[in-house]
Amino acid sequence: MSRLVALILTVAVGGLVAFQPPANASLAGHVSNLGAAFLSLLLSLVIVAVLLLTVGHPGRLSGISSVSPEHALGGISGALIVVISLVTVRSLGVGGVVAALVAAQLVVSLVIDRLGLLGVHEIAITWTRAAGVVLVLAGMLLITKP
């Protein structure tokens, strides 16, 4: 996949992320916070299962025996993001939640890149990357300011 297509797809899906906390918080009004998180993640599971069965390679699941604890970080973080964001959107607003999530993701992702954690290619923290983090953190502070 080209870098441009990857960027376009990521930005498009990133826009959908802003809908997640308020939609889940609204759902929580009907089924409780954990009920909303459960239903949201269940729907995610069903969608991914359908994709796996229709366009994926379900036979590759046989490699599950070589899965290690750090591989669970994706699922754990996804569940925590859903639960925490549907609760915090009530006090921070959608912009505040997304700004805080993005800022934290950016800071941690630079460390992951720098250290080459979880098998990613090492990328140095340059002054431009550091400046980008500072600008995002400043944006988060401005957006979440009471």
C-alpha atoms as a PDB file:
ATOM      1  CA  MET A   1       0.000   0.000   0.000  1.00  0.00           C
ATOM      2  CA  SER A   2       1.357   3.416  -0.881  1.00  0.00           C
ATOM      3  CA  ARG A   3       2.103   5.961   1.846  1.00  0.00           C
ATOM      4  CA  LEU A   4      -0.569   8.326   0.459  1.00  0.00           C
ATOM      5  CA  VAL A   5      -3.302   5.672   0.483  1.00  0.00           C
ATOM      6  CA  ALA A   6      -2.266   4.646   4.005  1.00  0.00           C
ATOM      7  CA  LEU A   7      -2.487   8.258   5.161  1.00  0.00           C
ATOM      8  CA  ILE A   8      -5.904   8.809   3.549  1.00  0.00           C
ATOM      9  CA  LEU A   9      -7.336   5.617   5.065  1.00  0.00           C
ATOM     10  CA  THR A  10      -5.911   6.418   8.488  1.00  0.00           C
ATOM     11  CA  VAL A  11      -7.285   9.966   8.450  1.00  0.00           C
ATOM     12  CA  ALA A  12     -10.704   8.682   7.342  1.00  0.00           C
ATOM     13  CA  VAL A  13     -10.862   6.114  10.141  1.00  0.00           C
ATOM     14  CA  GLY A  14      -9.400   8.642  12.575  1.00  0.00           C
ATOM     15  CA  GLY A  15     -12.402  10.842  11.899  1.00  0.00           C
ATOM     16  CA  LEU A  16     -14.672   7.991  12.919  1.00  0.00           C
ATOM     17  CA  VAL A  17     -12.846   7.710  16.251  1.00  0.00           C
ATOM     18  CA  ALA A  18     -14.401  11.037  17.283  1.00  0.00           C
ATOM     19  CA  PHE A  19     -17.848   9.436  17.075  1.00  0.00           C
ATOM     20  CA  GLN A  20     -16.925   6.534  19.354  1.00  0.00           C
ATOM     21  CA  PRO A  21     -17.032   8.185  22.825  1.00  0.00           C
ATOM     22  CA  PRO A  22     -20.313  10.083  22.380  1.00  0.00           C
ATOM     23  CA  ALA A  23     -22.031   7.164  20.644  1.00  0.00           C
ATOM     24  CA  ASN A  24     -20.952   4.790  23.407  1.00  0.00           C
ATOM     25  CA  ALA A  25     -21.885   7.305  26.130  1.00  0.00           C
ATOM     26  CA  SER A  26     -25.331   7.665  24.566  1.00  0.00           C
ATOM     27  CA  LEU A  27     -25.686   3.886  24.428  1.00  0.00           C
ATOM     28  CA  ALA A  28     -24.631   3.733  28.102  1.00  0.00           C
ATOM     29  CA  GLY A  29     -27.765   5.696  28.966  1.00  0.00           C
ATOM     30  CA  HIS A  30     -29.720   2.612  27.908  1.00  0.00           C
ATOM     31  CA  VAL A  31     -27.484  -0.269  28.998  1.00  0.00           C
ATOM     32  CA  SER A  32     -24.891   1.102  31.545  1.00  0.00           C
ATOM     33  CA  ASN A  33     -21.253   2.070  30.948  1.00  0.00           C
ATOM     34  CA  LEU A  34     -19.900  -1.468  30.890  1.00  0.00           C
ATOM     35  CA  GLY A  35     -22.913  -2.660  28.899  1.00  0.00           C
ATOM     36  CA  ALA A  36     -22.175  -0.036  26.251  1.00  0.00           C
ATOM     37  CA  ALA A  37     -18.492  -0.980  26.181  1.00  0.00           C
ATOM     38  CA  PHE A  38     -19.445  -4.652  25.859  1.00  0.00           C
ATOM     39  CA  LEU A  39     -21.852  -4.025  22.991  1.00  0.00           C
ATOM     40  CA  SER A  40     -19.376  -1.750  21.212  1.00  0.00           C
ATOM     41  CA  LEU A  41     -16.586  -4.306  21.443  1.00  0.00           C
ATOM     42  CA  LEU A  42     -18.960  -7.147  20.529  1.00  0.00           C
ATOM     43  CA  LEU A  43     -19.900  -5.301  17.345  1.00  0.00           C
ATOM     44  CA  SER A  44     -16.192  -4.797  16.631  1.00  0.00           C
ATOM     45  CA  LEU A  45     -15.626  -8.517  17.157  1.00  0.00           C
ATOM     46  CA  VAL A  46     -18.432  -9.436  14.748  1.00  0.00           C
ATOM     47  CA  ILE A  47     -17.148  -7.053  12.057  1.00  0.00           C
ATOM     48  CA  VAL A  48     -13.584  -8.336  12.331  1.00  0.00           C
ATOM     49  CA  ALA A  49     -14.818 -11.958  12.351  1.00  0.00           C
ATOM     50  CA  VAL A  50     -16.787 -11.384   9.136  1.00  0.00           C
ATOM     51  CA  LEU A  51     -13.751  -9.741   7.519  1.00  0.00           C
ATOM     52  CA  LEU A  52     -11.501 -12.590   8.665  1.00  0.00           C
ATOM     53  CA  LEU A  53     -13.858 -15.183   7.197  1.00  0.00           C
ATOM     54  CA  THR A  54     -14.534 -13.344   3.935  1.00  0.00           C
ATOM     55  CA  VAL A  55     -11.246 -11.704   2.973  1.00  0.00           C
ATOM     56  CA  GLY A  56      -8.778 -12.886   5.615  1.00  0.00           C
ATOM     57  CA  HIS A  57      -6.935 -16.070   6.320  1.00  0.00           C
ATOM     58  CA  PRO A  58      -8.637 -17.846   9.251  1.00  0.00           C
ATOM     59  CA  GLY A  59      -6.226 -20.768   8.925  1.00  0.00           C
ATOM     60  CA  ARG A  60      -3.434 -18.494  10.157  1.00  0.00           C
ATOM     61  CA  LEU A  61      -5.096 -18.533  13.590  1.00  0.00           C
ATOM     62  CA  SER A  62      -3.258 -21.811  14.103  1.00  0.00           C
ATOM     63  CA  GLY A  63      -0.277 -19.637  15.051  1.00  0.00           C
ATOM     64  CA  ILE A  64      -2.044 -18.602  18.259  1.00  0.00           C
ATOM     65  CA  SER A  65       0.130 -20.980  20.265  1.00  0.00           C
ATOM     66  CA  SER A  66       3.120 -18.680  19.692  1.00  0.00           C
ATOM     67  CA  VAL A  67       1.331 -15.589  21.016  1.00  0.00           C
ATOM     68  CA  SER A  68       3.066 -13.913  23.948  1.00  0.00           C
ATOM     69  CA  PRO A  69       1.713 -11.552  26.626  1.00  0.00           C
ATOM     70  CA  GLU A  70       2.789  -8.350  24.839  1.00  0.00           C
ATOM     71  CA  HIS A  71       0.556  -9.336  21.917  1.00  0.00           C
ATOM     72  CA  ALA A  72      -2.439  -8.764  24.201  1.00  0.00           C
ATOM     73  CA  LEU A  73      -1.657  -5.040  24.475  1.00  0.00           C
ATOM     74  CA  GLY A  74      -3.758  -4.228  21.399  1.00  0.00           C
ATOM     75  CA  GLY A  75      -6.898  -5.831  22.797  1.00  0.00           C
ATOM     76  CA  ILE A  76      -6.324  -4.522  26.302  1.00  0.00           C
ATOM     77  CA  SER A  77      -5.746  -0.979  25.103  1.00  0.00           C
ATOM     78  CA  GLY A  78      -8.769  -1.132  22.792  1.00  0.00           C
ATOM     79  CA  ALA A  79     -11.039  -2.191  25.647  1.00  0.00           C
ATOM     80  CA  LEU A  80      -9.662   0.480  27.984  1.00  0.00           C
ATOM     81  CA  ILE A  81      -9.983   3.193  25.336  1.00  0.00           C
ATOM     82  CA  VAL A  82     -13.643   2.291  24.806  1.00  0.00           C
ATOM     83  CA  VAL A  83     -14.485   2.186  28.525  1.00  0.00           C
ATOM     84  CA  ILE A  84     -12.524   5.252  29.624  1.00  0.00           C
ATOM     85  CA  SER A  85     -13.523   7.467  26.700  1.00  0.00           C
ATOM     86  CA  LEU A  86     -17.245   6.760  27.052  1.00  0.00           C
ATOM     87  CA  VAL A  87     -17.049   7.841  30.701  1.00  0.00           C
ATOM     88  CA  THR A  88     -14.720  10.841  30.293  1.00  0.00           C
ATOM     89  CA  VAL A  89     -16.570  12.322  27.306  1.00  0.00           C
ATOM     90  CA  ARG A  90     -19.197  13.611  29.733  1.00  0.00           C
ATOM     91  CA  SER A  91     -16.718  15.922  31.460  1.00  0.00           C
ATOM     92  CA  LEU A  92     -14.094  16.546  28.765  1.00  0.00           C
ATOM     93  CA  GLY A  93     -16.332  16.672  25.704  1.00  0.00           C
ATOM     94  CA  VAL A  94     -15.542  14.876  22.459  1.00  0.00           C
ATOM     95  CA  GLY A  95     -12.754  17.278  21.517  1.00  0.00           C
ATOM     96  CA  GLY A  96     -11.123  16.922  24.920  1.00  0.00           C
ATOM     97  CA  VAL A  97     -11.225  13.135  24.869  1.00  0.00           C
ATOM     98  CA  VAL A  98      -9.862  12.877  21.344  1.00  0.00           C
ATOM     99  CA  ALA A  99      -7.187  15.514  22.032  1.00  0.00           C
ATOM    100  CA  ALA A 100      -6.031  13.677  25.164  1.00  0.00           C
ATOM    101  CA  LEU A 101      -6.045  10.305  23.398  1.00  0.00           C
ATOM    102  CA  VAL A 102      -4.096  11.644  20.426  1.00  0.00           C
ATOM    103  CA  ALA A 103      -1.574  13.483  22.603  1.00  0.00           C
ATOM    104  CA  ALA A 104      -0.915  10.404  24.741  1.00  0.00           C
ATOM    105  CA  GLN A 105      -0.711   8.168  21.678  1.00  0.00           C
ATOM    106  CA  LEU A 106       1.786  10.498  20.038  1.00  0.00           C
ATOM    107  CA  VAL A 107       4.063  10.724  23.081  1.00  0.00           C
ATOM    108  CA  VAL A 108       4.059   6.962  23.645  1.00  0.00           C
ATOM    109  CA  SER A 109       4.418   6.211  19.924  1.00  0.00           C
ATOM    110  CA  LEU A 110       7.585   8.304  19.705  1.00  0.00           C
ATOM    111  CA  VAL A 111       9.076   6.289  22.570  1.00  0.00           C
ATOM    112  CA  ILE A 112       8.020   3.021  20.902  1.00  0.00           C
ATOM    113  CA  ASP A 113       9.575   4.174  17.611  1.00  0.00           C
ATOM    114  CA  ARG A 114      12.769   5.352  19.305  1.00  0.00           C
ATOM    115  CA  LEU A 115      13.264   2.103  21.218  1.00  0.00           C
ATOM    116  CA  GLY A 116      12.017  -0.167  18.415  1.00  0.00           C
ATOM    117  CA  LEU A 117       9.571  -1.843  20.784  1.00  0.00           C
ATOM    118  CA  LEU A 118       7.303  -4.689  19.664  1.00  0.00           C
ATOM    119  CA  GLY A 119       9.371  -5.243  16.542  1.00  0.00           C
ATOM    120  CA  VAL A 120       8.866  -1.852  14.875  1.00  0.00           C
ATOM    121  CA  HIS A 121      11.705  -0.224  12.987  1.00  0.00           C
ATOM    122  CA  GLU A 122      13.667   2.224  15.162  1.00  0.00           C
ATOM    123  CA  ILE A 123      13.080   5.878  14.300  1.00  0.00           C
ATOM    124  CA  ALA A 124      15.051   8.645  15.986  1.00  0.00           C
ATOM    125  CA  ILE A 125      13.345  11.484  17.822  1.00  0.00           C
ATOM    126  CA  THR A 126      14.314  14.472  15.696  1.00  0.00           C
ATOM    127  CA  TRP A 127      13.655  18.103  16.524  1.00  0.00           C
ATOM    128  CA  THR A 128      10.768  18.143  14.025  1.00  0.00           C
ATOM    129  CA  ARG A 129       9.137  15.115  15.634  1.00  0.00           C
ATOM    130  CA  ALA A 130       9.655  16.619  19.099  1.00  0.00           C
ATOM    131  CA  ALA A 131       8.167  19.926  17.891  1.00  0.00           C
ATOM    132  CA  GLY A 132       5.137  18.046  16.564  1.00  0.00           C
ATOM    133  CA  VAL A 133       4.604  16.464  19.978  1.00  0.00           C
ATOM    134  CA  VAL A 134       4.925  19.838  21.717  1.00  0.00           C
ATOM    135  CA  LEU A 135       2.349  21.350  19.350  1.00  0.00           C
ATOM    136  CA  VAL A 136      -0.094  18.478  19.892  1.00  0.00           C
ATOM    137  CA  LEU A 137       0.360  18.712  23.676  1.00  0.00           C
ATOM    138  CA  ALA A 138      -0.260  22.461  23.483  1.00  0.00           C
ATOM    139  CA  GLY A 139      -3.397  21.790  21.434  1.00  0.00           C
ATOM    140  CA  MET A 140      -4.599  19.271  24.006  1.00  0.00           C
ATOM    141  CA  LEU A 141      -4.093  21.787  26.806  1.00  0.00           C
ATOM    142  CA  LEU A 142      -5.960  24.481  24.867  1.00  0.00           C
ATOM    143  CA  ILE A 143      -8.854  22.169  23.992  1.00  0.00           C
ATOM    144  CA  THR A 144      -9.227  20.754  27.509  1.00  0.00           C
ATOM    145  CA  LYS A 145      -8.849  24.112  29.299  1.00  0.00           C
ATOM    146  CA  PRO A 146     -12.002  24.738  31.362  1.00  0.00           C
END
